[in-house]
Amino acid sequence: MQETIAWIFLTLVVVTPLIYWVAGFFYSPFTFFQYCLACFCNSIAKLLWRVEIEDELPVPPGQGVMLIANHRSSVDPFFIQVAAHRILHWMIAREYVEHPLSAWFFRQIGAIGTNRGGQDNKAILQAIEYLESGETIGILPEGRINMTEELLLPIRPGAALIALKAKVPIVPLYIDGAPYDRVPYSPFLMPCRVKVKIGDPIDLSDLWDQEMNEHTYRTVMLRAVHALAKLANRDDYQPKFAGRNWKPTAEELEQAFASADRIRKAARN
């Protein structure tokens, strides 16, 4: 009798989570691969990085929205995925999306390959189509991981162009405490505590009928970045814009590495 009870208990312990997991898949908007990946993101984010999400995404599923965030770690998309609870299409450097070792993965998650610098019309059109169909796009406007002591690296206005063309709001997110140590896999070896703050939607309807030019795009990005800075309690922050083909020099990269080392040492102390 005791052995039977033990087997029943063991079966319940194993089967109940499995039923919950399968049911979650059928009620989710994800493909099977995306659902497994989302579960992995949630699990590792909660267990290893102890992610805390402040507030809910203020735009309902099915309404197109552009998410922007600061970029401190190679796993920032994990944190934003946990905060969003929906399918996210990321604009990712084309060399990763087309690389033979990673192309399949990025196709499965609906990534949009784009050039690191300059305008990429094909990527822009694809992002606009997603937004107009009610999807969510994620963009990290710095374009590169920020290892400096500045709040943000110089930003690019591509997110503004896409949001205006698709006529959707921009929602800023601020990620605080993201782990990173020079190489992409380093966050998986770095337990920490991460907080994600979600801002209010930035309504751009007053600019929809204006001429689309560099000034308009910069106006939008200034609104978005100031809202992001406010989440970081940096109301005084003055953003800078990157040149069309800006790339960091070897000296700038070395300075960034040294700055990142100082930040990590200060955090430990």
C-alpha atoms as a PDB file:
ATOM      1  CA  MET A   1       0.000   0.000   0.000  1.00  0.00           C
ATOM      2  CA  GLN A   2       2.778   2.424   0.915  1.00  0.00           C
ATOM      3  CA  GLU A   3       4.572   1.576  -2.313  1.00  0.00           C
ATOM      4  CA  THR A   4       1.400   2.352  -4.325  1.00  0.00           C
ATOM      5  CA  ILE A   5       0.969   5.691  -2.567  1.00  0.00           C
ATOM      6  CA  ALA A   6       4.612   6.503  -3.254  1.00  0.00           C
ATOM      7  CA  TRP A   7       4.166   5.755  -6.972  1.00  0.00           C
ATOM      8  CA  ILE A   8       1.011   7.873  -7.128  1.00  0.00           C
ATOM      9  CA  PHE A   9       2.787  10.757  -5.399  1.00  0.00           C
ATOM     10  CA  LEU A  10       5.798  10.454  -7.735  1.00  0.00           C
ATOM     11  CA  THR A  11       3.519  10.356 -10.773  1.00  0.00           C
ATOM     12  CA  LEU A  12       1.709  13.492  -9.651  1.00  0.00           C
ATOM     13  CA  VAL A  13       5.004  15.285  -9.034  1.00  0.00           C
ATOM     14  CA  VAL A  14       6.167  14.458 -12.566  1.00  0.00           C
ATOM     15  CA  VAL A  15       2.902  14.604 -14.510  1.00  0.00           C
ATOM     16  CA  THR A  16       1.368  17.765 -13.013  1.00  0.00           C
ATOM     17  CA  PRO A  17       4.199  20.091 -14.154  1.00  0.00           C
ATOM     18  CA  LEU A  18       4.197  18.351 -17.541  1.00  0.00           C
ATOM     19  CA  ILE A  19       0.450  18.941 -17.979  1.00  0.00           C
ATOM     20  CA  TYR A  20       0.887  22.575 -16.923  1.00  0.00           C
ATOM     21  CA  TRP A  21       3.751  23.004 -19.417  1.00  0.00           C
ATOM     22  CA  VAL A  22       1.823  21.404 -22.318  1.00  0.00           C
ATOM     23  CA  ALA A  23      -1.309  23.436 -21.541  1.00  0.00           C
ATOM     24  CA  GLY A  24       0.771  26.591 -21.481  1.00  0.00           C
ATOM     25  CA  PHE A  25       2.021  25.835 -24.990  1.00  0.00           C
ATOM     26  CA  PHE A  26      -1.478  25.398 -26.433  1.00  0.00           C
ATOM     27  CA  TYR A  27      -2.616  28.701 -24.962  1.00  0.00           C
ATOM     28  CA  SER A  28       0.506  30.613 -26.033  1.00  0.00           C
ATOM     29  CA  PRO A  29       1.146  32.444 -29.334  1.00  0.00           C
ATOM     30  CA  PHE A  30       4.531  30.731 -29.719  1.00  0.00           C
ATOM     31  CA  THR A  31       5.708  27.948 -31.986  1.00  0.00           C
ATOM     32  CA  PHE A  32       6.958  24.900 -30.096  1.00  0.00           C
ATOM     33  CA  PHE A  33      10.594  26.001 -30.410  1.00  0.00           C
ATOM     34  CA  GLN A  34       9.747  29.558 -29.351  1.00  0.00           C
ATOM     35  CA  TYR A  35       7.765  28.243 -26.379  1.00  0.00           C
ATOM     36  CA  CYS A  36      10.664  26.070 -25.220  1.00  0.00           C
ATOM     37  CA  LEU A  37      13.020  29.018 -25.611  1.00  0.00           C
ATOM     38  CA  ALA A  38      10.666  31.325 -23.689  1.00  0.00           C
ATOM     39  CA  CYS A  39      10.457  28.776 -20.846  1.00  0.00           C
ATOM     40  CA  PHE A  40      14.248  28.569 -20.794  1.00  0.00           C
ATOM     41  CA  CYS A  41      14.529  32.373 -20.732  1.00  0.00           C
ATOM     42  CA  ASN A  42      12.083  32.628 -17.853  1.00  0.00           C
ATOM     43  CA  SER A  43      13.753  29.853 -15.865  1.00  0.00           C
ATOM     44  CA  ILE A  44      17.330  31.071 -16.140  1.00  0.00           C
ATOM     45  CA  ALA A  45      16.274  34.702 -15.686  1.00  0.00           C
ATOM     46  CA  LYS A  46      14.510  33.904 -12.424  1.00  0.00           C
ATOM     47  CA  LEU A  47      17.035  31.403 -11.038  1.00  0.00           C
ATOM     48  CA  LEU A  48      20.408  32.788 -12.148  1.00  0.00           C
ATOM     49  CA  TRP A  49      19.783  36.495 -12.630  1.00  0.00           C
ATOM     50  CA  ARG A  50      16.824  36.892 -10.210  1.00  0.00           C
ATOM     51  CA  VAL A  51      15.046  39.218 -12.611  1.00  0.00           C
ATOM     52  CA  GLU A  52      12.453  41.588 -11.183  1.00  0.00           C
ATOM     53  CA  ILE A  53       9.979  43.196 -13.574  1.00  0.00           C
ATOM     54  CA  GLU A  54       8.445  46.475 -12.497  1.00  0.00           C
ATOM     55  CA  ASP A  55       4.933  46.840 -13.974  1.00  0.00           C
ATOM     56  CA  GLU A  56       3.423  45.158 -17.033  1.00  0.00           C
ATOM     57  CA  LEU A  57       3.968  46.062 -20.658  1.00  0.00           C
ATOM     58  CA  PRO A  58       1.344  48.820 -21.151  1.00  0.00           C
ATOM     59  CA  VAL A  59       0.320  47.738 -24.660  1.00  0.00           C
ATOM     60  CA  PRO A  60      -2.050  44.772 -25.161  1.00  0.00           C
ATOM     61  CA  PRO A  61      -1.030  41.768 -27.297  1.00  0.00           C
ATOM     62  CA  GLY A  62      -2.092  42.187 -30.899  1.00  0.00           C
ATOM     63  CA  GLN A  63      -1.226  45.892 -31.009  1.00  0.00           C
ATOM     64  CA  GLY A  64       2.005  46.768 -32.766  1.00  0.00           C
ATOM     65  CA  VAL A  65       4.625  48.319 -30.512  1.00  0.00           C
ATOM     66  CA  MET A  66       8.324  49.140 -30.626  1.00  0.00           C
ATOM     67  CA  LEU A  67      10.399  48.327 -27.530  1.00  0.00           C
ATOM     68  CA  ILE A  68      13.736  50.021 -26.962  1.00  0.00           C
ATOM     69  CA  ALA A  69      16.193  49.443 -24.117  1.00  0.00           C
ATOM     70  CA  ASN A  70      19.685  50.180 -22.947  1.00  0.00           C
ATOM     71  CA  HIS A  71      22.284  47.560 -23.853  1.00  0.00           C
ATOM     72  CA  ARG A  72      24.671  46.378 -21.131  1.00  0.00           C
ATOM     73  CA  SER A  73      24.823  42.628 -21.755  1.00  0.00           C
ATOM     74  CA  SER A  74      24.658  39.970 -24.465  1.00  0.00           C
ATOM     75  CA  VAL A  75      21.562  38.555 -22.720  1.00  0.00           C
ATOM     76  CA  ASP A  76      19.513  41.766 -22.594  1.00  0.00           C
ATOM     77  CA  PRO A  77      16.951  40.192 -24.991  1.00  0.00           C
ATOM     78  CA  PHE A  78      16.332  37.513 -22.307  1.00  0.00           C
ATOM     79  CA  PHE A  79      15.281  40.170 -19.815  1.00  0.00           C
ATOM     80  CA  ILE A  80      13.047  41.968 -22.297  1.00  0.00           C
ATOM     81  CA  GLN A  81      11.430  38.690 -23.374  1.00  0.00           C
ATOM     82  CA  VAL A  82      10.564  37.928 -19.746  1.00  0.00           C
ATOM     83  CA  ALA A  83       9.088  41.417 -19.372  1.00  0.00           C
ATOM     84  CA  ALA A  84       7.096  41.312 -22.620  1.00  0.00           C
ATOM     85  CA  HIS A  85       5.407  37.867 -22.383  1.00  0.00           C
ATOM     86  CA  ARG A  86       4.913  37.795 -26.153  1.00  0.00           C
ATOM     87  CA  ILE A  87       6.693  37.051 -29.431  1.00  0.00           C
ATOM     88  CA  LEU A  88       9.487  39.545 -29.985  1.00  0.00           C
ATOM     89  CA  HIS A  89      11.167  40.211 -33.318  1.00  0.00           C
ATOM     90  CA  TRP A  90      14.691  41.494 -32.817  1.00  0.00           C
ATOM     91  CA  MET A  91      16.743  43.508 -35.257  1.00  0.00           C
ATOM     92  CA  ILE A  92      20.095  41.745 -35.089  1.00  0.00           C
ATOM     93  CA  ALA A  93      23.380  42.291 -36.921  1.00  0.00           C
ATOM     94  CA  ARG A  94      23.124  40.568 -40.292  1.00  0.00           C
ATOM     95  CA  GLU A  95      26.377  38.615 -39.862  1.00  0.00           C
ATOM     96  CA  TYR A  96      24.792  36.660 -36.995  1.00  0.00           C
ATOM     97  CA  VAL A  97      21.479  36.061 -38.773  1.00  0.00           C
ATOM     98  CA  GLU A  98      23.204  34.744 -41.897  1.00  0.00           C
ATOM     99  CA  HIS A  99      26.047  32.814 -40.251  1.00  0.00           C
ATOM    100  CA  PRO A 100      25.734  29.046 -40.988  1.00  0.00           C
ATOM    101  CA  LEU A 101      26.047  28.139 -37.295  1.00  0.00           C
ATOM    102  CA  SER A 102      23.299  30.501 -36.101  1.00  0.00           C
ATOM    103  CA  ALA A 103      21.051  31.151 -39.129  1.00  0.00           C
ATOM    104  CA  TRP A 104      18.548  28.390 -38.246  1.00  0.00           C
ATOM    105  CA  PHE A 105      18.147  29.662 -34.697  1.00  0.00           C
ATOM    106  CA  PHE A 106      17.519  33.258 -35.730  1.00  0.00           C
ATOM    107  CA  ARG A 107      15.011  32.183 -38.386  1.00  0.00           C
ATOM    108  CA  GLN A 108      13.048  30.301 -35.738  1.00  0.00           C
ATOM    109  CA  ILE A 109      12.735  33.342 -33.473  1.00  0.00           C
ATOM    110  CA  GLY A 110      11.799  35.677 -36.330  1.00  0.00           C
ATOM    111  CA  ALA A 111      14.928  37.824 -36.111  1.00  0.00           C
ATOM    112  CA  ILE A 112      15.450  40.586 -38.650  1.00  0.00           C
ATOM    113  CA  GLY A 113      18.965  40.807 -40.034  1.00  0.00           C
ATOM    114  CA  THR A 114      20.225  44.358 -40.424  1.00  0.00           C
ATOM    115  CA  ASN A 115      23.429  46.253 -41.130  1.00  0.00           C
ATOM    116  CA  ARG A 116      25.260  47.552 -38.067  1.00  0.00           C
ATOM    117  CA  GLY A 117      25.663  51.018 -39.542  1.00  0.00           C
ATOM    118  CA  GLY A 118      23.669  52.954 -42.088  1.00  0.00           C
ATOM    119  CA  GLN A 119      20.175  52.374 -43.423  1.00  0.00           C
ATOM    120  CA  ASP A 120      18.992  48.876 -44.358  1.00  0.00           C
ATOM    121  CA  ASN A 121      15.799  49.244 -46.405  1.00  0.00           C
ATOM    122  CA  LYS A 122      15.011  45.529 -46.518  1.00  0.00           C
ATOM    123  CA  ALA A 123      15.196  45.191 -42.726  1.00  0.00           C
ATOM    124  CA  ILE A 124      13.171  48.367 -42.224  1.00  0.00           C
ATOM    125  CA  LEU A 125      10.366  47.172 -44.521  1.00  0.00           C
ATOM    126  CA  GLN A 126      10.244  43.791 -42.779  1.00  0.00           C
ATOM    127  CA  ALA A 127      10.037  45.447 -39.348  1.00  0.00           C
ATOM    128  CA  ILE A 128       7.256  47.771 -40.523  1.00  0.00           C
ATOM    129  CA  GLU A 129       5.268  44.789 -41.837  1.00  0.00           C
ATOM    130  CA  TYR A 130       5.545  43.029 -38.475  1.00  0.00           C
ATOM    131  CA  LEU A 131       4.392  46.127 -36.592  1.00  0.00           C
ATOM    132  CA  GLU A 132       1.474  46.807 -38.930  1.00  0.00           C
ATOM    133  CA  SER A 133       0.280  43.239 -38.365  1.00  0.00           C
ATOM    134  CA  GLY A 134       0.232  43.765 -34.579  1.00  0.00           C
ATOM    135  CA  GLU A 135       3.621  42.255 -33.730  1.00  0.00           C
ATOM    136  CA  THR A 136       6.273  43.553 -31.313  1.00  0.00           C
ATOM    137  CA  ILE A 137       9.737  44.703 -32.408  1.00  0.00           C
ATOM    138  CA  GLY A 138      12.712  45.027 -30.067  1.00  0.00           C
ATOM    139  CA  ILE A 139      15.590  47.379 -30.846  1.00  0.00           C
ATOM    140  CA  LEU A 140      18.695  48.286 -28.860  1.00  0.00           C
ATOM    141  CA  PRO A 141      19.447  51.714 -30.354  1.00  0.00           C
ATOM    142  CA  GLU A 142      23.033  51.811 -29.106  1.00  0.00           C
ATOM    143  CA  GLY A 143      23.833  49.006 -31.541  1.00  0.00           C
ATOM    144  CA  ARG A 144      26.598  47.635 -29.315  1.00  0.00           C
ATOM    145  CA  ILE A 145      27.053  46.563 -25.705  1.00  0.00           C
ATOM    146  CA  ASN A 146      27.802  49.568 -23.525  1.00  0.00           C
ATOM    147  CA  MET A 147      30.790  48.847 -21.283  1.00  0.00           C
ATOM    148  CA  THR A 148      31.429  52.483 -20.418  1.00  0.00           C
ATOM    149  CA  GLU A 149      30.307  54.474 -17.384  1.00  0.00           C
ATOM    150  CA  GLU A 150      27.968  56.535 -19.559  1.00  0.00           C
ATOM    151  CA  LEU A 151      24.257  55.773 -19.396  1.00  0.00           C
ATOM    152  CA  LEU A 152      24.139  55.077 -23.144  1.00  0.00           C
ATOM    153  CA  LEU A 153      26.475  54.925 -26.111  1.00  0.00           C
ATOM    154  CA  PRO A 154      25.701  57.262 -29.037  1.00  0.00           C
ATOM    155  CA  ILE A 155      22.333  56.183 -30.427  1.00  0.00           C
ATOM    156  CA  ARG A 156      20.961  55.645 -33.929  1.00  0.00           C
ATOM    157  CA  PRO A 157      17.561  56.931 -35.086  1.00  0.00           C
ATOM    158  CA  GLY A 158      16.470  53.766 -36.951  1.00  0.00           C
ATOM    159  CA  ALA A 159      13.857  52.838 -34.331  1.00  0.00           C
ATOM    160  CA  ALA A 160      12.169  56.226 -34.821  1.00  0.00           C
ATOM    161  CA  LEU A 161      11.931  55.805 -38.577  1.00  0.00           C
ATOM    162  CA  ILE A 162      10.300  52.376 -38.234  1.00  0.00           C
ATOM    163  CA  ALA A 163       7.852  53.412 -35.497  1.00  0.00           C
ATOM    164  CA  LEU A 164       6.748  56.471 -37.467  1.00  0.00           C
ATOM    165  CA  LYS A 165       6.276  54.564 -40.706  1.00  0.00           C
ATOM    166  CA  ALA A 166       4.283  51.820 -38.938  1.00  0.00           C
ATOM    167  CA  LYS A 167       2.378  54.371 -36.802  1.00  0.00           C
ATOM    168  CA  VAL A 168       2.985  52.559 -33.519  1.00  0.00           C
ATOM    169  CA  PRO A 169       4.080  53.795 -30.061  1.00  0.00           C
ATOM    170  CA  ILE A 170       7.526  53.296 -28.567  1.00  0.00           C
ATOM    171  CA  VAL A 171       7.865  51.816 -25.077  1.00  0.00           C
ATOM    172  CA  PRO A 172      11.215  52.353 -23.293  1.00  0.00           C
ATOM    173  CA  LEU A 173      12.673  49.785 -20.905  1.00  0.00           C
ATOM    174  CA  TYR A 174      15.607  50.283 -18.558  1.00  0.00           C
ATOM    175  CA  ILE A 175      17.664  47.229 -17.573  1.00  0.00           C
ATOM    176  CA  ASP A 176      19.605  47.644 -14.331  1.00  0.00           C
ATOM    177  CA  GLY A 177      22.297  45.224 -13.172  1.00  0.00           C
ATOM    178  CA  ALA A 178      22.735  43.159 -16.349  1.00  0.00           C
ATOM    179  CA  PRO A 179      25.848  40.931 -16.113  1.00  0.00           C
ATOM    180  CA  TYR A 180      28.622  40.969 -18.707  1.00  0.00           C
ATOM    181  CA  ASP A 181      32.361  40.276 -18.754  1.00  0.00           C
ATOM    182  CA  ARG A 182      33.752  40.872 -22.238  1.00  0.00           C
ATOM    183  CA  VAL A 183      32.542  37.679 -23.943  1.00  0.00           C
ATOM    184  CA  PRO A 184      28.959  36.747 -25.020  1.00  0.00           C
ATOM    185  CA  TYR A 185      28.693  33.631 -22.812  1.00  0.00           C
ATOM    186  CA  SER A 186      29.947  35.347 -19.644  1.00  0.00           C
ATOM    187  CA  PRO A 187      26.463  36.218 -18.226  1.00  0.00           C
ATOM    188  CA  PHE A 188      25.694  32.496 -17.882  1.00  0.00           C
ATOM    189  CA  LEU A 189      28.531  32.297 -15.341  1.00  0.00           C
ATOM    190  CA  MET A 190      27.523  35.415 -13.408  1.00  0.00           C
ATOM    191  CA  PRO A 191      24.701  35.177 -10.838  1.00  0.00           C
ATOM    192  CA  CYS A 192      23.252  38.608 -10.113  1.00  0.00           C
ATOM    193  CA  ARG A 193      20.061  40.581  -9.521  1.00  0.00           C
ATOM    194  CA  VAL A 194      18.535  42.392 -12.496  1.00  0.00           C
ATOM    195  CA  LYS A 195      15.666  44.879 -12.514  1.00  0.00           C
ATOM    196  CA  VAL A 196      13.678  45.834 -15.596  1.00  0.00           C
ATOM    197  CA  LYS A 197      11.694  49.064 -15.497  1.00  0.00           C
ATOM    198  CA  ILE A 198       8.976  49.581 -18.108  1.00  0.00           C
ATOM    199  CA  GLY A 199       8.005  53.076 -19.183  1.00  0.00           C
ATOM    200  CA  ASP A 200       4.776  54.495 -20.564  1.00  0.00           C
ATOM    201  CA  PRO A 201       4.029  54.305 -24.308  1.00  0.00           C
ATOM    202  CA  ILE A 202       5.348  57.292 -26.245  1.00  0.00           C
ATOM    203  CA  ASP A 203       2.578  58.491 -28.539  1.00  0.00           C
ATOM    204  CA  LEU A 204       3.960  59.688 -31.877  1.00  0.00           C
ATOM    205  CA  SER A 205       0.658  60.501 -33.578  1.00  0.00           C
ATOM    206  CA  ASP A 206       1.468  64.222 -33.616  1.00  0.00           C
ATOM    207  CA  LEU A 207       4.364  63.457 -35.984  1.00  0.00           C
ATOM    208  CA  TRP A 208       2.701  60.980 -38.347  1.00  0.00           C
ATOM    209  CA  ASP A 209       1.749  63.637 -40.891  1.00  0.00           C
ATOM    210  CA  GLN A 210       4.992  65.567 -40.722  1.00  0.00           C
ATOM    211  CA  GLU A 211       7.762  65.294 -43.276  1.00  0.00           C
ATOM    212  CA  MET A 212       9.915  62.257 -42.571  1.00  0.00           C
ATOM    213  CA  ASN A 213      13.491  63.473 -42.329  1.00  0.00           C
ATOM    214  CA  GLU A 214      16.522  63.315 -40.067  1.00  0.00           C
ATOM    215  CA  HIS A 215      15.194  66.078 -37.821  1.00  0.00           C
ATOM    216  CA  THR A 216      11.902  64.219 -37.256  1.00  0.00           C
ATOM    217  CA  TYR A 217      13.687  60.971 -36.450  1.00  0.00           C
ATOM    218  CA  ARG A 218      15.986  62.696 -33.981  1.00  0.00           C
ATOM    219  CA  THR A 219      13.014  64.392 -32.330  1.00  0.00           C
ATOM    220  CA  VAL A 220      11.417  60.980 -31.752  1.00  0.00           C
ATOM    221  CA  MET A 221      14.602  59.422 -30.438  1.00  0.00           C
ATOM    222  CA  LEU A 222      15.157  62.313 -28.057  1.00  0.00           C
ATOM    223  CA  ARG A 223      11.681  61.707 -26.613  1.00  0.00           C
ATOM    224  CA  ALA A 224      12.347  57.994 -26.306  1.00  0.00           C
ATOM    225  CA  VAL A 225      15.816  58.300 -24.795  1.00  0.00           C
ATOM    226  CA  HIS A 226      14.748  60.976 -22.316  1.00  0.00           C
ATOM    227  CA  ALA A 227      11.946  58.640 -21.202  1.00  0.00           C
ATOM    228  CA  LEU A 228      14.477  55.809 -20.837  1.00  0.00           C
ATOM    229  CA  ALA A 229      16.843  58.056 -18.878  1.00  0.00           C
ATOM    230  CA  LYS A 230      13.982  59.020 -16.565  1.00  0.00           C
ATOM    231  CA  LEU A 231      13.510  55.322 -15.729  1.00  0.00           C
ATOM    232  CA  ALA A 232      17.194  55.300 -14.744  1.00  0.00           C
ATOM    233  CA  ASN A 233      16.675  58.421 -12.569  1.00  0.00           C
ATOM    234  CA  ARG A 234      18.847  60.422 -14.959  1.00  0.00           C
ATOM    235  CA  ASP A 235      16.542  63.261 -15.918  1.00  0.00           C
ATOM    236  CA  ASP A 236      19.570  65.408 -16.764  1.00  0.00           C
ATOM    237  CA  TYR A 237      20.973  62.986 -19.351  1.00  0.00           C
ATOM    238  CA  GLN A 238      21.787  64.483 -22.751  1.00  0.00           C
ATOM    239  CA  PRO A 239      21.890  61.801 -25.483  1.00  0.00           C
ATOM    240  CA  LYS A 240      24.357  61.789 -28.348  1.00  0.00           C
ATOM    241  CA  PHE A 241      23.759  60.514 -31.866  1.00  0.00           C
ATOM    242  CA  ALA A 242      26.110  58.145 -33.668  1.00  0.00           C
ATOM    243  CA  GLY A 243      27.328  58.878 -37.171  1.00  0.00           C
ATOM    244  CA  ARG A 244      25.930  56.810 -40.021  1.00  0.00           C
ATOM    245  CA  ASN A 245      28.866  54.388 -40.096  1.00  0.00           C
ATOM    246  CA  TRP A 246      30.257  54.890 -36.603  1.00  0.00           C
ATOM    247  CA  LYS A 247      32.428  52.114 -35.214  1.00  0.00           C
ATOM    248  CA  PRO A 248      34.528  52.174 -32.016  1.00  0.00           C
ATOM    249  CA  THR A 249      38.277  52.400 -32.416  1.00  0.00           C
ATOM    250  CA  ALA A 250      40.645  49.918 -30.768  1.00  0.00           C
ATOM    251  CA  GLU A 251      41.513  52.601 -28.183  1.00  0.00           C
ATOM    252  CA  GLU A 252      37.816  53.215 -27.412  1.00  0.00           C
ATOM    253  CA  LEU A 253      37.216  49.494 -26.982  1.00  0.00           C
ATOM    254  CA  GLU A 254      40.146  49.198 -24.586  1.00  0.00           C
ATOM    255  CA  GLN A 255      38.840  52.147 -22.582  1.00  0.00           C
ATOM    256  CA  ALA A 256      35.428  50.469 -22.480  1.00  0.00           C
ATOM    257  CA  PHE A 257      36.930  47.222 -21.160  1.00  0.00           C
ATOM    258  CA  ALA A 258      38.794  49.139 -18.450  1.00  0.00           C
ATOM    259  CA  SER A 259      35.601  50.992 -17.535  1.00  0.00           C
ATOM    260  CA  ALA A 260      33.649  47.721 -17.352  1.00  0.00           C
ATOM    261  CA  ASP A 261      36.291  46.300 -14.991  1.00  0.00           C
ATOM    262  CA  ARG A 262      35.938  49.326 -12.696  1.00  0.00           C
ATOM    263  CA  ILE A 263      32.137  48.987 -12.670  1.00  0.00           C
ATOM    264  CA  ARG A 264      32.321  45.278 -11.741  1.00  0.00           C
ATOM    265  CA  LYS A 265      34.850  45.925  -8.952  1.00  0.00           C
ATOM    266  CA  ALA A 266      32.700  48.715  -7.527  1.00  0.00           C
ATOM    267  CA  ALA A 267      29.646  46.426  -7.611  1.00  0.00           C
ATOM    268  CA  ARG A 268      31.500  43.708  -5.664  1.00  0.00           C
ATOM    269  CA  ASN A 269      32.542  46.193  -3.007  1.00  0.00           C
END
